[in-house]
Amino acid sequence: MRTAEITRKTAETDITVKVNIDGTGSYDNRTGVGFFDHMLDQLARHSLIDMEIRATGDLHIDDHHTVEDTGIALGQALTRALGDKRGIRRYGECHLPMDDAQVRCALDLSGRPFLVWNVTLPTPKIGTFDTELVREFFQAFATHGGITLHVDQLHGFNSHHIAEAAFKAVARALRDAVETDPRKADAVPSTKGTL
């Protein structure tokens, strides 16, 4: 089983993340940030990666540290669970529609982190959640997960729909990328022999 548990504790946050790459998409995410929990649930459900996240942070300041540090810990957990990445498909992509919004994601579990973020959330808040934190999460996740991650909004006018479409598109692309390639289950998918 490809599983991992990461604990990250700083002066600002205390986070534990458990993942099972070969799961069914079950989730139990509690960060203290309601909208963010909803997005993490979508990420788990649509990637089929089981996730359990517990986070406490300095929410009396704002949600920033909790969201960013959760992205860091989740990226680290993904990296640990994938090990040497032997047998994975490596690449994934998805065009995800959600009502007015459509978001495209393409990713590579390359070990070379890079984020291309062409997403515009038209409102500064979704409920009490700062919309700029959606990008902050994916930046941290890509950096610490070693993911080349491209996320492009094709259209949309509702911030909730756009953000949710982004999480779901990344989830579906991630699902494809972590799957075992039945034609090369014994090989690292790189001519270099390592990722």
N, C-alpha and C. Protein backbone atom coordinates (compact mmCIF):
# COMPACT_ATOMS: atom_id res chain seq x y z
N MET A 1 0.85 -1.20 0.00
CA MET A 1 0.00 0.00 0.00
C MET A 1 0.88 1.24 0.00
N ARG A 2 0.50 2.20 -0.82
CA ARG A 2 1.23 3.46 -0.89
C ARG A 2 0.58 4.45 0.08
N THR A 3 1.13 4.52 1.27
CA THR A 3 0.57 5.35 2.32
C THR A 3 1.67 6.22 2.92
N ALA A 4 1.25 7.29 3.59
CA ALA A 4 2.21 8.13 4.30
C ALA A 4 1.48 8.95 5.35
N GLU A 5 2.25 9.33 6.37
CA GLU A 5 1.75 10.25 7.38
C GLU A 5 2.83 11.30 7.61
N ILE A 6 2.43 12.55 7.59
CA ILE A 6 3.34 13.68 7.80
C ILE A 6 2.80 14.53 8.94
N THR A 7 3.66 14.90 9.85
CA THR A 7 3.31 15.87 10.88
C THR A 7 4.22 17.08 10.72
N ARG A 8 3.61 18.23 10.70
CA ARG A 8 4.35 19.49 10.55
C ARG A 8 3.90 20.43 11.65
N LYS A 9 4.85 20.83 12.48
CA LYS A 9 4.52 21.71 13.59
C LYS A 9 5.44 22.92 13.57
N THR A 10 4.83 24.11 13.57
CA THR A 10 5.58 25.36 13.61
C THR A 10 4.96 26.24 14.70
N ALA A 11 5.48 27.44 14.83
CA ALA A 11 4.90 28.39 15.78
C ALA A 11 3.52 28.86 15.32
N GLU A 12 3.19 28.61 14.03
CA GLU A 12 1.93 29.10 13.46
C GLU A 12 0.88 28.01 13.28
N THR A 13 1.34 26.77 13.03
CA THR A 13 0.39 25.68 12.74
C THR A 13 0.88 24.35 13.31
N ASP A 14 -0.06 23.45 13.49
CA ASP A 14 0.22 22.06 13.88
C ASP A 14 -0.66 21.19 13.00
N ILE A 15 -0.02 20.45 12.08
CA ILE A 15 -0.77 19.74 11.03
C ILE A 15 -0.31 18.30 10.93
N THR A 16 -1.27 17.39 10.83
CA THR A 16 -1.00 15.98 10.53
C THR A 16 -1.81 15.59 9.30
N VAL A 17 -1.14 14.99 8.35
CA VAL A 17 -1.77 14.55 7.11
C VAL A 17 -1.50 13.06 6.93
N LYS A 18 -2.55 12.28 6.67
CA LYS A 18 -2.43 10.87 6.33
C LYS A 18 -3.04 10.66 4.95
N VAL A 19 -2.32 9.96 4.09
CA VAL A 19 -2.84 9.66 2.75
C VAL A 19 -2.66 8.19 2.42
N ASN A 20 -3.58 7.70 1.62
CA ASN A 20 -3.49 6.37 1.03
C ASN A 20 -3.76 6.54 -0.46
N ILE A 21 -2.69 6.45 -1.25
CA ILE A 21 -2.79 6.66 -2.70
C ILE A 21 -3.75 5.64 -3.33
N ASP A 22 -3.79 4.44 -2.79
CA ASP A 22 -4.59 3.36 -3.36
C ASP A 22 -5.93 3.23 -2.65
N GLY A 23 -6.49 4.36 -2.27
CA GLY A 23 -7.74 4.35 -1.52
C GLY A 23 -8.96 4.42 -2.41
N THR A 24 -10.04 4.86 -1.80
CA THR A 24 -11.33 4.96 -2.49
C THR A 24 -11.86 6.40 -2.51
N GLY A 25 -11.03 7.33 -2.03
CA GLY A 25 -11.46 8.72 -1.98
C GLY A 25 -12.16 9.08 -0.68
N SER A 26 -11.97 8.29 0.36
CA SER A 26 -12.57 8.63 1.65
C SER A 26 -11.80 9.81 2.26
N TYR A 27 -12.48 10.57 3.10
CA TYR A 27 -11.85 11.77 3.65
C TYR A 27 -12.41 12.10 5.02
N ASP A 28 -11.55 12.75 5.79
CA ASP A 28 -11.93 13.28 7.10
C ASP A 28 -10.97 14.44 7.35
N ASN A 29 -11.34 15.60 6.86
CA ASN A 29 -10.46 16.77 6.87
C ASN A 29 -11.01 17.85 7.80
N ARG A 30 -10.19 18.26 8.74
CA ARG A 30 -10.62 19.27 9.72
C ARG A 30 -9.49 20.27 9.94
N THR A 31 -9.62 21.40 9.28
CA THR A 31 -8.59 22.44 9.39
C THR A 31 -9.07 23.66 10.17
N GLY A 32 -10.36 23.70 10.46
CA GLY A 32 -10.92 24.90 11.09
C GLY A 32 -11.34 25.95 10.09
N VAL A 33 -11.13 25.67 8.80
CA VAL A 33 -11.49 26.60 7.73
C VAL A 33 -12.52 25.88 6.86
N GLY A 34 -13.79 26.23 7.03
CA GLY A 34 -14.88 25.48 6.43
C GLY A 34 -14.80 25.30 4.93
N PHE A 35 -14.62 26.38 4.19
CA PHE A 35 -14.58 26.27 2.74
C PHE A 35 -13.38 25.43 2.30
N PHE A 36 -12.25 25.62 2.96
CA PHE A 36 -11.04 24.86 2.63
C PHE A 36 -11.26 23.37 2.88
N ASP A 37 -11.90 23.02 3.97
CA ASP A 37 -12.23 21.61 4.22
C ASP A 37 -13.07 21.04 3.08
N HIS A 38 -14.04 21.82 2.61
CA HIS A 38 -14.89 21.41 1.50
C HIS A 38 -14.05 21.14 0.25
N MET A 39 -13.05 21.98 -0.01
CA MET A 39 -12.19 21.79 -1.17
C MET A 39 -11.28 20.57 -1.00
N LEU A 40 -10.74 20.38 0.20
CA LEU A 40 -9.91 19.20 0.46
C LEU A 40 -10.72 17.92 0.30
N ASP A 41 -11.97 17.95 0.72
CA ASP A 41 -12.86 16.79 0.53
C ASP A 41 -13.01 16.48 -0.95
N GLN A 42 -13.16 17.52 -1.77
CA GLN A 42 -13.27 17.32 -3.22
C GLN A 42 -11.99 16.72 -3.79
N LEU A 43 -10.86 17.22 -3.30
CA LEU A 43 -9.56 16.72 -3.77
C LEU A 43 -9.43 15.23 -3.48
N ALA A 44 -9.82 14.82 -2.29
CA ALA A 44 -9.75 13.40 -1.93
C ALA A 44 -10.73 12.57 -2.75
N ARG A 45 -11.97 13.01 -2.76
CA ARG A 45 -13.04 12.23 -3.40
C ARG A 45 -12.76 11.97 -4.88
N HIS A 46 -12.28 12.99 -5.58
CA HIS A 46 -12.13 12.87 -7.03
C HIS A 46 -10.76 12.36 -7.46
N SER A 47 -9.79 12.32 -6.55
CA SER A 47 -8.50 11.70 -6.86
C SER A 47 -8.49 10.23 -6.44
N LEU A 48 -9.47 9.83 -5.62
CA LEU A 48 -9.54 8.50 -5.00
C LEU A 48 -8.38 8.26 -4.04
N ILE A 49 -7.77 9.35 -3.57
CA ILE A 49 -6.73 9.26 -2.55
C ILE A 49 -7.40 9.48 -1.20
N ASP A 50 -7.33 8.49 -0.32
CA ASP A 50 -7.87 8.68 1.03
C ASP A 50 -7.06 9.74 1.75
N MET A 51 -7.74 10.66 2.43
CA MET A 51 -7.07 11.75 3.15
C MET A 51 -7.69 11.95 4.50
N GLU A 52 -6.81 12.08 5.48
CA GLU A 52 -7.23 12.52 6.80
C GLU A 52 -6.30 13.66 7.20
N ILE A 53 -6.86 14.83 7.41
CA ILE A 53 -6.06 16.01 7.73
C ILE A 53 -6.59 16.63 9.01
N ARG A 54 -5.68 16.89 9.93
CA ARG A 54 -5.99 17.61 11.15
C ARG A 54 -5.06 18.82 11.20
N ALA A 55 -5.63 19.99 11.29
CA ALA A 55 -4.82 21.20 11.34
C ALA A 55 -5.37 22.17 12.38
N THR A 56 -4.50 22.69 13.17
CA THR A 56 -4.82 23.83 14.03
C THR A 56 -3.82 24.91 13.69
N GLY A 57 -4.32 26.12 13.58
CA GLY A 57 -3.44 27.22 13.20
C GLY A 57 -3.89 28.53 13.81
N ASP A 58 -3.14 29.55 13.49
CA ASP A 58 -3.39 30.88 14.05
C ASP A 58 -4.53 31.58 13.29
N LEU A 59 -5.70 30.98 13.36
CA LEU A 59 -6.86 31.51 12.62
C LEU A 59 -7.32 32.85 13.18
N HIS A 60 -6.87 33.21 14.38
CA HIS A 60 -7.19 34.54 14.91
C HIS A 60 -6.49 35.63 14.11
N ILE A 61 -5.43 35.25 13.38
CA ILE A 61 -4.76 36.20 12.48
C ILE A 61 -5.48 36.18 11.13
N ASP A 62 -5.41 35.04 10.46
CA ASP A 62 -6.20 34.76 9.25
C ASP A 62 -5.98 33.30 8.88
N ASP A 63 -6.48 32.89 7.72
CA ASP A 63 -6.41 31.48 7.31
C ASP A 63 -5.12 31.13 6.56
N HIS A 64 -4.31 32.13 6.27
CA HIS A 64 -3.18 31.95 5.35
C HIS A 64 -2.24 30.83 5.78
N HIS A 65 -1.73 30.88 7.00
CA HIS A 65 -0.74 29.90 7.43
C HIS A 65 -1.31 28.50 7.44
N THR A 66 -2.56 28.36 7.86
CA THR A 66 -3.19 27.04 7.90
C THR A 66 -3.32 26.46 6.50
N VAL A 67 -3.77 27.26 5.55
CA VAL A 67 -3.96 26.78 4.18
C VAL A 67 -2.62 26.46 3.53
N GLU A 68 -1.67 27.36 3.63
CA GLU A 68 -0.37 27.13 3.00
C GLU A 68 0.35 25.93 3.61
N ASP A 69 0.36 25.84 4.95
CA ASP A 69 1.07 24.74 5.59
C ASP A 69 0.40 23.40 5.35
N THR A 70 -0.91 23.40 5.18
CA THR A 70 -1.59 22.16 4.80
C THR A 70 -1.15 21.73 3.41
N GLY A 71 -0.99 22.68 2.49
CA GLY A 71 -0.48 22.37 1.16
C GLY A 71 0.92 21.78 1.22
N ILE A 72 1.76 22.35 2.09
CA ILE A 72 3.12 21.83 2.26
C ILE A 72 3.07 20.39 2.75
N ALA A 73 2.33 20.14 3.82
CA ALA A 73 2.27 18.81 4.41
C ALA A 73 1.65 17.79 3.46
N LEU A 74 0.61 18.19 2.73
CA LEU A 74 -0.03 17.28 1.79
C LEU A 74 0.92 16.93 0.64
N GLY A 75 1.66 17.91 0.15
CA GLY A 75 2.66 17.64 -0.89
C GLY A 75 3.73 16.69 -0.40
N GLN A 76 4.20 16.89 0.83
CA GLN A 76 5.20 15.99 1.41
C GLN A 76 4.66 14.58 1.58
N ALA A 77 3.40 14.48 2.00
CA ALA A 77 2.79 13.16 2.17
C ALA A 77 2.66 12.44 0.84
N LEU A 78 2.27 13.15 -0.19
CA LEU A 78 2.16 12.55 -1.53
C LEU A 78 3.51 12.03 -1.99
N THR A 79 4.55 12.85 -1.82
CA THR A 79 5.90 12.45 -2.23
C THR A 79 6.34 11.20 -1.50
N ARG A 80 6.14 11.16 -0.19
CA ARG A 80 6.55 10.00 0.60
C ARG A 80 5.77 8.75 0.18
N ALA A 81 4.46 8.89 -0.03
CA ALA A 81 3.64 7.74 -0.39
C ALA A 81 4.01 7.17 -1.76
N LEU A 82 4.44 8.02 -2.67
CA LEU A 82 4.79 7.56 -4.02
C LEU A 82 6.16 6.91 -4.09
N GLY A 83 6.99 7.15 -3.08
CA GLY A 83 8.32 6.52 -3.06
C GLY A 83 9.13 6.87 -4.29
N ASP A 84 9.67 5.86 -4.98
CA ASP A 84 10.50 6.13 -6.16
C ASP A 84 9.65 6.30 -7.43
N LYS A 85 8.33 6.25 -7.27
CA LYS A 85 7.37 6.46 -8.36
C LYS A 85 7.39 5.37 -9.42
N ARG A 86 7.94 4.25 -9.05
CA ARG A 86 7.98 3.11 -9.97
C ARG A 86 6.56 2.69 -10.36
N GLY A 87 6.33 2.57 -11.66
CA GLY A 87 5.06 2.05 -12.16
C GLY A 87 3.94 3.06 -12.34
N ILE A 88 4.14 4.31 -11.92
CA ILE A 88 3.05 5.28 -12.07
C ILE A 88 2.94 5.76 -13.52
N ARG A 89 1.78 6.27 -13.85
CA ARG A 89 1.59 6.84 -15.18
C ARG A 89 2.31 8.18 -15.33
N ARG A 90 2.48 8.89 -14.23
CA ARG A 90 3.25 10.14 -14.12
C ARG A 90 2.49 11.37 -14.57
N TYR A 91 1.81 11.33 -15.68
CA TYR A 91 1.10 12.49 -16.22
C TYR A 91 -0.40 12.35 -16.01
N GLY A 92 -1.07 13.49 -15.88
CA GLY A 92 -2.52 13.49 -15.82
C GLY A 92 -3.07 14.81 -16.33
N GLU A 93 -4.28 14.75 -16.84
CA GLU A 93 -4.93 15.98 -17.31
C GLU A 93 -6.44 15.84 -17.20
N CYS A 94 -7.10 16.99 -17.13
CA CYS A 94 -8.56 16.99 -17.01
C CYS A 94 -9.12 18.35 -17.41
N HIS A 95 -10.21 18.32 -18.16
CA HIS A 95 -11.05 19.50 -18.37
C HIS A 95 -12.27 19.29 -17.48
N LEU A 96 -12.47 20.18 -16.50
CA LEU A 96 -13.52 19.96 -15.52
C LEU A 96 -14.56 21.07 -15.61
N PRO A 97 -15.80 20.75 -15.99
CA PRO A 97 -16.87 21.74 -15.98
C PRO A 97 -17.61 21.73 -14.65
N MET A 98 -17.98 22.90 -14.19
CA MET A 98 -18.87 23.01 -13.03
C MET A 98 -19.75 24.22 -13.25
N ASP A 99 -20.96 23.97 -13.67
CA ASP A 99 -21.91 25.05 -13.97
C ASP A 99 -21.27 26.05 -14.93
N ASP A 100 -21.10 27.30 -14.51
CA ASP A 100 -20.55 28.34 -15.37
C ASP A 100 -19.05 28.20 -15.60
N ALA A 101 -18.37 27.43 -14.76
CA ALA A 101 -16.91 27.38 -14.77
C ALA A 101 -16.40 26.15 -15.52
N GLN A 102 -15.27 26.33 -16.18
CA GLN A 102 -14.51 25.21 -16.73
C GLN A 102 -13.04 25.47 -16.47
N VAL A 103 -12.40 24.48 -15.86
CA VAL A 103 -10.98 24.60 -15.53
C VAL A 103 -10.25 23.40 -16.11
N ARG A 104 -9.09 23.69 -16.67
CA ARG A 104 -8.25 22.64 -17.24
C ARG A 104 -7.01 22.47 -16.37
N CYS A 105 -6.64 21.24 -16.11
CA CYS A 105 -5.42 20.95 -15.36
C CYS A 105 -4.59 19.95 -16.15
N ALA A 106 -3.30 20.20 -16.19
CA ALA A 106 -2.33 19.23 -16.69
C ALA A 106 -1.20 19.18 -15.66
N LEU A 107 -0.78 17.97 -15.31
CA LEU A 107 0.29 17.87 -14.31
C LEU A 107 1.24 16.74 -14.63
N ASP A 108 2.43 16.86 -14.05
CA ASP A 108 3.50 15.90 -14.23
C ASP A 108 4.13 15.68 -12.86
N LEU A 109 4.15 14.45 -12.39
CA LEU A 109 4.79 14.13 -11.11
C LEU A 109 6.29 13.95 -11.36
N SER A 110 6.91 15.01 -11.81
CA SER A 110 8.26 15.00 -12.34
C SER A 110 9.34 15.12 -11.28
N GLY A 111 8.98 15.58 -10.09
CA GLY A 111 9.99 15.94 -9.11
C GLY A 111 10.52 17.35 -9.31
N ARG A 112 10.04 18.01 -10.36
CA ARG A 112 10.44 19.39 -10.66
C ARG A 112 9.24 20.32 -10.43
N PRO A 113 9.17 20.93 -9.27
CA PRO A 113 7.99 21.74 -8.95
C PRO A 113 7.90 23.01 -9.78
N PHE A 114 6.71 23.25 -10.31
CA PHE A 114 6.45 24.49 -11.03
C PHE A 114 4.94 24.67 -11.09
N LEU A 115 4.49 25.87 -10.83
CA LEU A 115 3.06 26.17 -10.91
C LEU A 115 2.81 27.22 -11.96
N VAL A 116 1.92 26.90 -12.90
CA VAL A 116 1.36 27.89 -13.83
C VAL A 116 -0.09 28.04 -13.43
N TRP A 117 -0.48 29.24 -13.05
CA TRP A 117 -1.81 29.50 -12.47
C TRP A 117 -2.49 30.60 -13.27
N ASN A 118 -3.36 30.21 -14.18
CA ASN A 118 -4.13 31.16 -14.97
C ASN A 118 -5.60 31.08 -14.55
N VAL A 119 -5.84 31.49 -13.32
CA VAL A 119 -7.18 31.43 -12.72
C VAL A 119 -7.47 32.78 -12.10
N THR A 120 -8.63 33.33 -12.41
CA THR A 120 -9.05 34.61 -11.83
C THR A 120 -10.35 34.40 -11.07
N LEU A 121 -10.26 34.56 -9.77
CA LEU A 121 -11.45 34.46 -8.93
C LEU A 121 -11.99 35.88 -8.76
N PRO A 122 -13.21 36.14 -9.25
CA PRO A 122 -13.69 37.53 -9.36
C PRO A 122 -14.03 38.21 -8.04
N THR A 123 -14.17 37.46 -6.96
CA THR A 123 -14.48 38.08 -5.68
C THR A 123 -13.32 37.84 -4.71
N PRO A 124 -13.09 38.76 -3.77
CA PRO A 124 -11.99 38.57 -2.82
C PRO A 124 -12.28 37.51 -1.76
N LYS A 125 -13.55 37.16 -1.59
CA LYS A 125 -13.93 36.19 -0.56
C LYS A 125 -14.95 35.21 -1.11
N ILE A 126 -14.90 33.98 -0.58
CA ILE A 126 -15.99 33.01 -0.72
C ILE A 126 -16.43 32.75 0.71
N GLY A 127 -17.54 33.31 1.09
CA GLY A 127 -17.91 33.33 2.51
C GLY A 127 -16.89 34.17 3.25
N THR A 128 -16.18 33.56 4.20
CA THR A 128 -15.13 34.27 4.93
C THR A 128 -13.74 33.89 4.42
N PHE A 129 -13.67 33.05 3.39
CA PHE A 129 -12.40 32.52 2.87
C PHE A 129 -11.80 33.47 1.84
N ASP A 130 -10.53 33.85 2.03
CA ASP A 130 -9.83 34.70 1.06
C ASP A 130 -9.52 33.90 -0.19
N THR A 131 -10.03 34.34 -1.33
CA THR A 131 -9.87 33.57 -2.56
C THR A 131 -8.41 33.47 -3.01
N GLU A 132 -7.56 34.43 -2.63
CA GLU A 132 -6.15 34.35 -3.04
C GLU A 132 -5.46 33.13 -2.42
N LEU A 133 -6.07 32.54 -1.40
CA LEU A 133 -5.46 31.38 -0.75
C LEU A 133 -5.59 30.11 -1.58
N VAL A 134 -6.46 30.10 -2.58
CA VAL A 134 -6.55 28.93 -3.46
C VAL A 134 -5.21 28.74 -4.17
N ARG A 135 -4.68 29.82 -4.72
CA ARG A 135 -3.37 29.74 -5.38
C ARG A 135 -2.28 29.39 -4.37
N GLU A 136 -2.32 29.98 -3.19
CA GLU A 136 -1.31 29.70 -2.17
C GLU A 136 -1.25 28.21 -1.83
N PHE A 137 -2.42 27.59 -1.74
CA PHE A 137 -2.46 26.15 -1.46
C PHE A 137 -1.79 25.37 -2.57
N PHE A 138 -2.16 25.66 -3.82
CA PHE A 138 -1.61 24.89 -4.93
C PHE A 138 -0.12 25.16 -5.12
N GLN A 139 0.34 26.38 -4.83
CA GLN A 139 1.78 26.67 -4.89
C GLN A 139 2.53 25.80 -3.90
N ALA A 140 2.03 25.73 -2.66
CA ALA A 140 2.69 24.92 -1.62
C ALA A 140 2.62 23.44 -1.97
N PHE A 141 1.47 22.98 -2.44
CA PHE A 141 1.28 21.57 -2.79
C PHE A 141 2.21 21.16 -3.93
N ALA A 142 2.29 21.97 -4.98
CA ALA A 142 3.15 21.67 -6.12
C ALA A 142 4.62 21.68 -5.71
N THR A 143 5.01 22.68 -4.93
CA THR A 143 6.41 22.80 -4.53
C THR A 143 6.86 21.60 -3.70
N HIS A 144 6.07 21.23 -2.72
CA HIS A 144 6.48 20.17 -1.80
C HIS A 144 6.09 18.78 -2.28
N GLY A 145 5.24 18.72 -3.31
CA GLY A 145 4.90 17.44 -3.94
C GLY A 145 5.75 17.16 -5.16
N GLY A 146 6.62 18.12 -5.55
CA GLY A 146 7.46 17.93 -6.73
C GLY A 146 6.64 17.81 -8.00
N ILE A 147 5.61 18.65 -8.11
CA ILE A 147 4.65 18.55 -9.22
C ILE A 147 4.80 19.73 -10.16
N THR A 148 4.92 19.45 -11.45
CA THR A 148 4.74 20.49 -12.46
C THR A 148 3.23 20.58 -12.68
N LEU A 149 2.65 21.71 -12.29
CA LEU A 149 1.19 21.83 -12.23
C LEU A 149 0.73 23.05 -13.01
N HIS A 150 -0.08 22.81 -14.02
CA HIS A 150 -0.67 23.89 -14.83
C HIS A 150 -2.17 23.88 -14.60
N VAL A 151 -2.72 25.01 -14.20
CA VAL A 151 -4.16 25.14 -13.97
C VAL A 151 -4.64 26.36 -14.73
N ASP A 152 -5.57 26.16 -15.65
CA ASP A 152 -6.07 27.23 -16.52
C ASP A 152 -7.59 27.30 -16.45
N GLN A 153 -8.09 28.47 -16.14
CA GLN A 153 -9.53 28.73 -16.16
C GLN A 153 -9.92 29.07 -17.59
N LEU A 154 -10.81 28.29 -18.15
CA LEU A 154 -11.27 28.57 -19.52
C LEU A 154 -12.41 29.58 -19.51
N HIS A 155 -13.30 29.46 -18.51
CA HIS A 155 -14.34 30.46 -18.31
C HIS A 155 -15.00 30.25 -16.96
N GLY A 156 -15.82 31.20 -16.58
CA GLY A 156 -16.52 31.12 -15.31
C GLY A 156 -16.66 32.49 -14.68
N PHE A 157 -17.73 32.67 -13.91
CA PHE A 157 -17.96 33.96 -13.25
C PHE A 157 -18.27 33.82 -11.76
N ASN A 158 -18.51 32.61 -11.29
CA ASN A 158 -18.82 32.39 -9.88
C ASN A 158 -17.56 31.87 -9.17
N SER A 159 -17.08 32.61 -8.17
CA SER A 159 -15.82 32.26 -7.52
C SER A 159 -15.85 30.86 -6.89
N HIS A 160 -16.96 30.51 -6.27
CA HIS A 160 -17.07 29.18 -5.65
C HIS A 160 -16.95 28.10 -6.72
N HIS A 161 -17.64 28.26 -7.82
CA HIS A 161 -17.59 27.27 -8.88
C HIS A 161 -16.20 27.16 -9.49
N ILE A 162 -15.55 28.29 -9.70
CA ILE A 162 -14.20 28.29 -10.29
C ILE A 162 -13.22 27.59 -9.37
N ALA A 163 -13.25 27.94 -8.08
CA ALA A 163 -12.34 27.31 -7.12
C ALA A 163 -12.59 25.81 -7.03
N GLU A 164 -13.84 25.43 -6.94
CA GLU A 164 -14.16 24.01 -6.82
C GLU A 164 -13.79 23.26 -8.08
N ALA A 165 -14.00 23.86 -9.24
CA ALA A 165 -13.59 23.23 -10.49
C ALA A 165 -12.08 23.04 -10.53
N ALA A 166 -11.33 23.99 -9.98
CA ALA A 166 -9.86 23.86 -9.94
C ALA A 166 -9.46 22.67 -9.08
N PHE A 167 -10.03 22.56 -7.89
CA PHE A 167 -9.68 21.44 -7.01
C PHE A 167 -10.07 20.11 -7.64
N LYS A 168 -11.23 20.05 -8.26
CA LYS A 168 -11.67 18.81 -8.87
C LYS A 168 -10.84 18.45 -10.09
N ALA A 169 -10.45 19.44 -10.89
CA ALA A 169 -9.62 19.18 -12.06
C ALA A 169 -8.26 18.65 -11.65
N VAL A 170 -7.67 19.26 -10.62
CA VAL A 170 -6.38 18.77 -10.11
C VAL A 170 -6.55 17.35 -9.58
N ALA A 171 -7.64 17.11 -8.88
CA ALA A 171 -7.90 15.78 -8.33
C ALA A 171 -7.96 14.72 -9.43
N ARG A 172 -8.73 14.99 -10.47
CA ARG A 172 -8.89 14.01 -11.55
C ARG A 172 -7.57 13.78 -12.29
N ALA A 173 -6.81 14.84 -12.51
CA ALA A 173 -5.51 14.69 -13.16
C ALA A 173 -4.56 13.90 -12.26
N LEU A 174 -4.60 14.16 -10.97
CA LEU A 174 -3.76 13.45 -10.01
C LEU A 174 -4.12 11.96 -9.98
N ARG A 175 -5.40 11.69 -10.03
CA ARG A 175 -5.86 10.29 -10.06
C ARG A 175 -5.21 9.53 -11.21
N ASP A 176 -5.21 10.12 -12.39
CA ASP A 176 -4.60 9.47 -13.55
C ASP A 176 -3.09 9.30 -13.36
N ALA A 177 -2.43 10.34 -12.84
CA ALA A 177 -0.97 10.34 -12.74
C ALA A 177 -0.44 9.32 -11.75
N VAL A 178 -1.16 9.08 -10.64
CA VAL A 178 -0.67 8.14 -9.63
C VAL A 178 -1.05 6.69 -9.91
N GLU A 179 -1.93 6.48 -10.87
CA GLU A 179 -2.35 5.12 -11.22
C GLU A 179 -1.17 4.30 -11.71
N THR A 180 -1.22 3.02 -11.44
CA THR A 180 -0.19 2.11 -11.94
C THR A 180 -0.41 1.86 -13.43
N ASP A 181 0.65 1.97 -14.19
CA ASP A 181 0.60 1.69 -15.63
C ASP A 181 0.78 0.19 -15.83
N PRO A 182 -0.25 -0.52 -16.26
CA PRO A 182 -0.14 -1.98 -16.36
C PRO A 182 0.90 -2.43 -17.37
N ARG A 183 1.30 -1.56 -18.29
CA ARG A 183 2.30 -1.93 -19.28
C ARG A 183 3.73 -1.73 -18.79
N LYS A 184 3.89 -0.93 -17.72
CA LYS A 184 5.23 -0.65 -17.20
C LYS A 184 5.20 -0.54 -15.68
N ALA A 185 4.58 -1.48 -15.01
CA ALA A 185 4.43 -1.42 -13.56
C ALA A 185 5.73 -1.59 -12.80
N ASP A 186 6.77 -2.04 -13.49
CA ASP A 186 8.06 -2.29 -12.82
C ASP A 186 9.10 -1.22 -13.11
N ALA A 187 8.71 -0.15 -13.82
CA ALA A 187 9.71 0.83 -14.27
C ALA A 187 9.36 2.24 -13.79
N VAL A 188 10.40 3.02 -13.54
CA VAL A 188 10.22 4.46 -13.27
C VAL A 188 9.99 5.14 -14.61
N PRO A 189 8.92 5.92 -14.75
CA PRO A 189 8.58 6.49 -16.05
C PRO A 189 9.46 7.69 -16.45
N SER A 190 10.72 7.43 -16.69
CA SER A 190 11.65 8.46 -17.11
C SER A 190 12.84 7.80 -17.79
N THR A 191 13.35 8.41 -18.86
CA THR A 191 14.55 7.87 -19.52
C THR A 191 15.77 8.03 -18.62
N LYS A 192 15.69 8.91 -17.61
CA LYS A 192 16.80 9.08 -16.67
C LYS A 192 16.84 7.93 -15.66
N GLY A 193 15.74 7.23 -15.51
CA GLY A 193 15.67 6.14 -14.54
C GLY A 193 15.31 6.57 -13.15
N THR A 194 15.04 7.85 -12.96
CA THR A 194 14.65 8.38 -11.66
C THR A 194 13.80 9.61 -11.83
N LEU A 195 12.92 9.83 -10.87
CA LEU A 195 12.10 11.04 -10.86
C LEU A 195 12.30 11.73 -9.53
